[in-house]
Amino acid sequence: MGGAMKYIVELETGVWLAPWDGDPGRTTVKENAKRFDERLDALRAGEDAWKYRPFQWWKIREVEE
């Protein structure tokens, strides 16, 4: 049985929004990416990250918790 779905933000290929401080905080380890319960919260976090550093693209990904 699968767990609850969470959302993470991929800022660029292999780079994920992290739960620590930065401009924005980033990690190359997907398992360390900040998890969001709601897709809308992930969307807002991606938009906020883009304000500080305009990544060429960013996407919201679903992950199983």
PDB file of N, CA and C in Angstrom:
ATOM      1  N   MET A   1       0.834  -1.187   0.000  1.00  0.00           N
ATOM      2  CA  MET A   1       0.000   0.000   0.000  1.00  0.00           C
ATOM      3  C   MET A   1       0.875   1.246   0.000  1.00  0.00           C
ATOM      4  N   GLY A   2       0.489   2.230  -0.746  1.00  0.00           N
ATOM      5  CA  GLY A   2       1.254   3.463  -0.821  1.00  0.00           C
ATOM      6  C   GLY A   2       0.934   4.400   0.329  1.00  0.00           C
ATOM      7  N   GLY A   3       1.872   5.277   0.586  1.00  0.00           N
ATOM      8  CA  GLY A   3       1.673   6.276   1.631  1.00  0.00           C
ATOM      9  C   GLY A   3       1.015   7.517   1.060  1.00  0.00           C
ATOM     10  N   ALA A   4       0.902   8.514   1.898  1.00  0.00           N
ATOM     11  CA  ALA A   4       0.313   9.787   1.473  1.00  0.00           C
ATOM     12  C   ALA A   4       1.236  10.467   0.470  1.00  0.00           C
ATOM     13  N   MET A   5       0.637  11.189  -0.463  1.00  0.00           N
ATOM     14  CA  MET A   5       1.431  11.918  -1.448  1.00  0.00           C
ATOM     15  C   MET A   5       1.839  13.274  -0.870  1.00  0.00           C
ATOM     16  N   LYS A   6       3.056  13.639  -1.144  1.00  0.00           N
ATOM     17  CA  LYS A   6       3.598  14.944  -0.784  1.00  0.00           C
ATOM     18  C   LYS A   6       4.104  15.583  -2.059  1.00  0.00           C
ATOM     19  N   TYR A   7       4.492  16.824  -1.965  1.00  0.00           N
ATOM     20  CA  TYR A   7       4.975  17.564  -3.122  1.00  0.00           C
ATOM     21  C   TYR A   7       6.340  18.163  -2.800  1.00  0.00           C
ATOM     22  N   ILE A   8       7.219  18.141  -3.795  1.00  0.00           N
ATOM     23  CA  ILE A   8       8.524  18.768  -3.684  1.00  0.00           C
ATOM     24  C   ILE A   8       8.710  19.659  -4.912  1.00  0.00           C
ATOM     25  N   VAL A   9       9.642  20.598  -4.803  1.00  0.00           N
ATOM     26  CA  VAL A   9       9.889  21.539  -5.895  1.00  0.00           C
ATOM     27  C   VAL A   9      11.264  21.246  -6.492  1.00  0.00           C
ATOM     28  N   GLU A  10      11.272  20.913  -7.776  1.00  0.00           N
ATOM     29  CA  GLU A  10      12.528  20.734  -8.506  1.00  0.00           C
ATOM     30  C   GLU A  10      12.847  22.066  -9.173  1.00  0.00           C
ATOM     31  N   LEU A  11      13.927  22.688  -8.742  1.00  0.00           N
ATOM     32  CA  LEU A  11      14.281  24.026  -9.229  1.00  0.00           C
ATOM     33  C   LEU A  11      14.924  23.981 -10.605  1.00  0.00           C
ATOM     34  N   GLU A  12      15.720  22.973 -10.838  1.00  0.00           N
ATOM     35  CA  GLU A  12      16.316  22.675 -12.133  1.00  0.00           C
ATOM     36  C   GLU A  12      16.719  21.210 -12.079  1.00  0.00           C
ATOM     37  N   THR A  13      17.167  20.659 -13.150  1.00  0.00           N
ATOM     38  CA  THR A  13      17.450  19.235 -13.189  1.00  0.00           C
ATOM     39  C   THR A  13      18.363  18.814 -12.037  1.00  0.00           C
ATOM     40  N   GLY A  14      17.840  17.946 -11.169  1.00  0.00           N
ATOM     41  CA  GLY A  14      18.624  17.403 -10.065  1.00  0.00           C
ATOM     42  C   GLY A  14      18.861  18.341  -8.901  1.00  0.00           C
ATOM     43  N   VAL A  15      18.171  19.475  -8.865  1.00  0.00           N
ATOM     44  CA  VAL A  15      18.318  20.444  -7.772  1.00  0.00           C
ATOM     45  C   VAL A  15      16.940  20.685  -7.180  1.00  0.00           C
ATOM     46  N   TRP A  16      16.833  20.480  -5.868  1.00  0.00           N
ATOM     47  CA  TRP A  16      15.548  20.523  -5.180  1.00  0.00           C
ATOM     48  C   TRP A  16      15.526  21.613  -4.125  1.00  0.00           C
ATOM     49  N   LEU A  17      14.359  22.184  -3.900  1.00  0.00           N
ATOM     50  CA  LEU A  17      14.172  23.153  -2.830  1.00  0.00           C
ATOM     51  C   LEU A  17      14.347  22.438  -1.504  1.00  0.00           C
ATOM     52  N   ALA A  18      15.176  22.994  -0.627  1.00  0.00           N
ATOM     53  CA  ALA A  18      15.505  22.356   0.654  1.00  0.00           C
ATOM     54  C   ALA A  18      14.835  23.096   1.810  1.00  0.00           C
ATOM     55  N   PRO A  19      14.708  22.436   2.952  1.00  0.00           N
ATOM     56  CA  PRO A  19      14.038  23.058   4.101  1.00  0.00           C
ATOM     57  C   PRO A  19      14.938  23.985   4.919  1.00  0.00           C
ATOM     58  N   TRP A  20      16.147  24.254   4.466  1.00  0.00           N
ATOM     59  CA  TRP A  20      17.032  25.145   5.217  1.00  0.00           C
ATOM     60  C   TRP A  20      17.169  26.486   4.513  1.00  0.00           C
ATOM     61  N   ASP A  21      17.804  27.418   5.200  1.00  0.00           N
ATOM     62  CA  ASP A  21      17.976  28.773   4.666  1.00  0.00           C
ATOM     63  C   ASP A  21      18.915  28.778   3.472  1.00  0.00           C
ATOM     64  N   GLY A  22      18.732  29.759   2.638  1.00  0.00           N
ATOM     65  CA  GLY A  22      19.567  29.953   1.462  1.00  0.00           C
ATOM     66  C   GLY A  22      18.905  30.974   0.565  1.00  0.00           C
ATOM     67  N   ASP A  23      19.318  30.991  -0.684  1.00  0.00           N
ATOM     68  CA  ASP A  23      18.751  31.981  -1.608  1.00  0.00           C
ATOM     69  C   ASP A  23      18.176  31.345  -2.872  1.00  0.00           C
ATOM     70  N   PRO A  24      17.331  30.425  -2.843  1.00  0.00           N
ATOM     71  CA  PRO A  24      16.761  29.673  -1.718  1.00  0.00           C
ATOM     72  C   PRO A  24      17.645  28.489  -1.320  1.00  0.00           C
ATOM     73  N   GLY A  25      17.288  27.865  -0.202  1.00  0.00           N
ATOM     74  CA  GLY A  25      17.996  26.655   0.219  1.00  0.00           C
ATOM     75  C   GLY A  25      17.811  25.564  -0.831  1.00  0.00           C
ATOM     76  N   ARG A  26      18.902  24.921  -1.221  1.00  0.00           N
ATOM     77  CA  ARG A  26      18.841  23.910  -2.280  1.00  0.00           C
ATOM     78  C   ARG A  26      19.601  22.659  -1.873  1.00  0.00           C
ATOM     79  N   THR A  27      19.239  21.551  -2.484  1.00  0.00           N
ATOM     80  CA  THR A  27      19.932  20.296  -2.279  1.00  0.00           C
ATOM     81  C   THR A  27      19.954  19.517  -3.590  1.00  0.00           C
ATOM     82  N   THR A  28      20.978  18.707  -3.764  1.00  0.00           N
ATOM     83  CA  THR A  28      21.036  17.811  -4.920  1.00  0.00           C
ATOM     84  C   THR A  28      20.619  16.394  -4.518  1.00  0.00           C
ATOM     85  N   VAL A  29      20.193  16.233  -3.278  1.00  0.00           N
ATOM     86  CA  VAL A  29      19.721  14.947  -2.775  1.00  0.00           C
ATOM     87  C   VAL A  29      18.196  15.015  -2.658  1.00  0.00           C
ATOM     88  N   LYS A  30      17.518  14.334  -3.554  1.00  0.00           N
ATOM     89  CA  LYS A  30      16.059  14.411  -3.626  1.00  0.00           C
ATOM     90  C   LYS A  30      15.402  14.079  -2.288  1.00  0.00           C
ATOM     91  N   GLU A  31      15.953  13.120  -1.561  1.00  0.00           N
ATOM     92  CA  GLU A  31      15.382  12.715  -0.276  1.00  0.00           C
ATOM     93  C   GLU A  31      15.434  13.829   0.763  1.00  0.00           C
ATOM     94  N   ASN A  32      16.306  14.826   0.570  1.00  0.00           N
ATOM     95  CA  ASN A  32      16.428  15.951   1.495  1.00  0.00           C
ATOM     96  C   ASN A  32      15.552  17.148   1.106  1.00  0.00           C
ATOM     97  N   ALA A  33      14.827  17.026   0.009  1.00  0.00           N
ATOM     98  CA  ALA A  33      13.975  18.134  -0.453  1.00  0.00           C
ATOM     99  C   ALA A  33      12.869  18.413   0.557  1.00  0.00           C
ATOM    100  N   LYS A  34      12.496  19.668   0.638  1.00  0.00           N
ATOM    101  CA  LYS A  34      11.394  20.064   1.514  1.00  0.00           C
ATOM    102  C   LYS A  34      10.095  19.475   0.992  1.00  0.00           C
ATOM    103  N   ARG A  35       9.323  18.847   1.889  1.00  0.00           N
ATOM    104  CA  ARG A  35       8.041  18.237   1.530  1.00  0.00           C
ATOM    105  C   ARG A  35       6.889  19.171   1.876  1.00  0.00           C
ATOM    106  N   PHE A  36       5.912  19.222   0.992  1.00  0.00           N
ATOM    107  CA  PHE A  36       4.703  20.015   1.206  1.00  0.00           C
ATOM    108  C   PHE A  36       3.500  19.086   1.174  1.00  0.00           C
ATOM    109  N   ASP A  37       2.571  19.321   2.083  1.00  0.00           N
ATOM    110  CA  ASP A  37       1.342  18.518   2.118  1.00  0.00           C
ATOM    111  C   ASP A  37       0.388  18.887   0.990  1.00  0.00           C
ATOM    112  N   GLU A  38       0.413  20.151   0.610  1.00  0.00           N
ATOM    113  CA  GLU A  38      -0.514  20.668  -0.401  1.00  0.00           C
ATOM    114  C   GLU A  38       0.246  21.161  -1.624  1.00  0.00           C
ATOM    115  N   ARG A  39      -0.287  20.852  -2.803  1.00  0.00           N
ATOM    116  CA  ARG A  39       0.327  21.304  -4.054  1.00  0.00           C
ATOM    117  C   ARG A  39       0.420  22.836  -4.106  1.00  0.00           C
ATOM    118  N   LEU A  40      -0.600  23.518  -3.609  1.00  0.00           N
ATOM    119  CA  LEU A  40      -0.603  24.976  -3.621  1.00  0.00           C
ATOM    120  C   LEU A  40       0.553  25.535  -2.792  1.00  0.00           C
ATOM    121  N   ASP A  41       0.876  24.916  -1.682  1.00  0.00           N
ATOM    122  CA  ASP A  41       2.006  25.366  -0.861  1.00  0.00           C
ATOM    123  C   ASP A  41       3.326  25.189  -1.620  1.00  0.00           C
ATOM    124  N   ALA A  42       3.463  24.090  -2.346  1.00  0.00           N
ATOM    125  CA  ALA A  42       4.661  23.868  -3.155  1.00  0.00           C
ATOM    126  C   ALA A  42       4.751  24.902  -4.273  1.00  0.00           C
ATOM    127  N   LEU A  43       3.624  25.205  -4.877  1.00  0.00           N
ATOM    128  CA  LEU A  43       3.584  26.214  -5.936  1.00  0.00           C
ATOM    129  C   LEU A  43       4.038  27.571  -5.409  1.00  0.00           C
ATOM    130  N   ARG A  44       3.527  27.954  -4.271  1.00  0.00           N
ATOM    131  CA  ARG A  44       3.920  29.243  -3.669  1.00  0.00           C
ATOM    132  C   ARG A  44       5.409  29.261  -3.329  1.00  0.00           C
ATOM    133  N   ALA A  45       5.924  28.156  -2.810  1.00  0.00           N
ATOM    134  CA  ALA A  45       7.346  28.082  -2.475  1.00  0.00           C
ATOM    135  C   ALA A  45       8.199  28.200  -3.737  1.00  0.00           C
ATOM    136  N   GLY A  46       7.776  27.564  -4.819  1.00  0.00           N
ATOM    137  CA  GLY A  46       8.498  27.678  -6.088  1.00  0.00           C
ATOM    138  C   GLY A  46       8.496  29.100  -6.615  1.00  0.00           C
ATOM    139  N   GLU A  47       7.361  29.755  -6.504  1.00  0.00           N
ATOM    140  CA  GLU A  47       7.272  31.153  -6.943  1.00  0.00           C
ATOM    141  C   GLU A  47       8.156  32.054  -6.092  1.00  0.00           C
ATOM    142  N   ASP A  48       8.179  31.825  -4.781  1.00  0.00           N
ATOM    143  CA  ASP A  48       9.037  32.611  -3.892  1.00  0.00           C
ATOM    144  C   ASP A  48      10.507  32.391  -4.222  1.00  0.00           C
ATOM    145  N   ALA A  49      10.891  31.143  -4.478  1.00  0.00           N
ATOM    146  CA  ALA A  49      12.282  30.831  -4.822  1.00  0.00           C
ATOM    147  C   ALA A  49      12.677  31.550  -6.106  1.00  0.00           C
ATOM    148  N   TRP A  50      11.759  31.594  -7.067  1.00  0.00           N
ATOM    149  CA  TRP A  50      12.046  32.226  -8.343  1.00  0.00           C
ATOM    150  C   TRP A  50      12.287  33.725  -8.197  1.00  0.00           C
ATOM    151  N   LYS A  51      11.664  34.342  -7.207  1.00  0.00           N
ATOM    152  CA  LYS A  51      11.869  35.778  -6.972  1.00  0.00           C
ATOM    153  C   LYS A  51      13.319  36.079  -6.596  1.00  0.00           C
ATOM    154  N   TYR A  52      13.955  35.155  -5.873  1.00  0.00           N
ATOM    155  CA  TYR A  52      15.335  35.354  -5.431  1.00  0.00           C
ATOM    156  C   TYR A  52      16.348  34.920  -6.477  1.00  0.00           C
ATOM    157  N   ARG A  53      16.000  33.893  -7.230  1.00  0.00           N
ATOM    158  CA  ARG A  53      16.907  33.378  -8.254  1.00  0.00           C
ATOM    159  C   ARG A  53      16.045  32.830  -9.389  1.00  0.00           C
ATOM    160  N   PRO A  54      15.963  33.538 -10.504  1.00  0.00           N
ATOM    161  CA  PRO A  54      15.076  33.111 -11.593  1.00  0.00           C
ATOM    162  C   PRO A  54      15.624  31.885 -12.340  1.00  0.00           C
ATOM    163  N   PHE A  55      15.316  30.708 -11.807  1.00  0.00           N
ATOM    164  CA  PHE A  55      15.719  29.465 -12.448  1.00  0.00           C
ATOM    165  C   PHE A  55      15.066  29.388 -13.822  1.00  0.00           C
ATOM    166  N   GLN A  56      15.740  28.741 -14.765  1.00  0.00           N
ATOM    167  CA  GLN A  56      15.224  28.649 -16.127  1.00  0.00           C
ATOM    168  C   GLN A  56      13.849  27.992 -16.131  1.00  0.00           C
ATOM    169  N   TRP A  57      13.669  26.992 -15.316  1.00  0.00           N
ATOM    170  CA  TRP A  57      12.364  26.336 -15.156  1.00  0.00           C
ATOM    171  C   TRP A  57      12.343  25.719 -13.771  1.00  0.00           C
ATOM    172  N   TRP A  58      11.174  25.466 -13.263  1.00  0.00           N
ATOM    173  CA  TRP A  58      11.025  24.708 -12.029  1.00  0.00           C
ATOM    174  C   TRP A  58       9.702  23.969 -12.099  1.00  0.00           C
ATOM    175  N   LYS A  59       9.649  22.842 -11.409  1.00  0.00           N
ATOM    176  CA  LYS A  59       8.461  21.991 -11.480  1.00  0.00           C
ATOM    177  C   LYS A  59       8.108  21.467 -10.112  1.00  0.00           C
ATOM    178  N   ILE A  60       6.846  21.162  -9.953  1.00  0.00           N
ATOM    179  CA  ILE A  60       6.376  20.507  -8.730  1.00  0.00           C
ATOM    180  C   ILE A  60       6.292  19.019  -9.041  1.00  0.00           C
ATOM    181  N   ARG A  61       6.851  18.225  -8.161  1.00  0.00           N
ATOM    182  CA  ARG A  61       6.830  16.772  -8.325  1.00  0.00           C
ATOM    183  C   ARG A  61       6.088  16.135  -7.160  1.00  0.00           C
ATOM    184  N   GLU A  62       5.329  15.095  -7.446  1.00  0.00           N
ATOM    185  CA  GLU A  62       4.681  14.313  -6.397  1.00  0.00           C
ATOM    186  C   GLU A  62       5.644  13.245  -5.923  1.00  0.00           C
ATOM    187  N   VAL A  63       5.666  13.030  -4.621  1.00  0.00           N
ATOM    188  CA  VAL A  63       6.468  11.937  -4.058  1.00  0.00           C
ATOM    189  C   VAL A  63       5.608  11.204  -3.039  1.00  0.00           C
ATOM    190  N   GLU A  64       5.886   9.934  -2.894  1.00  0.00           N
ATOM    191  CA  GLU A  64       5.157   9.144  -1.926  1.00  0.00           C
ATOM    192  C   GLU A  64       5.882   9.215  -0.598  1.00  0.00           C
ATOM    193  N   GLU A  65       5.167   9.479   0.439  1.00  0.00           N
ATOM    194  CA  GLU A  65       5.752   9.633   1.778  1.00  0.00           C
ATOM    195  C   GLU A  65       5.756   8.313   2.499  1.00  0.00           C
TER     196      GLU A  65
END
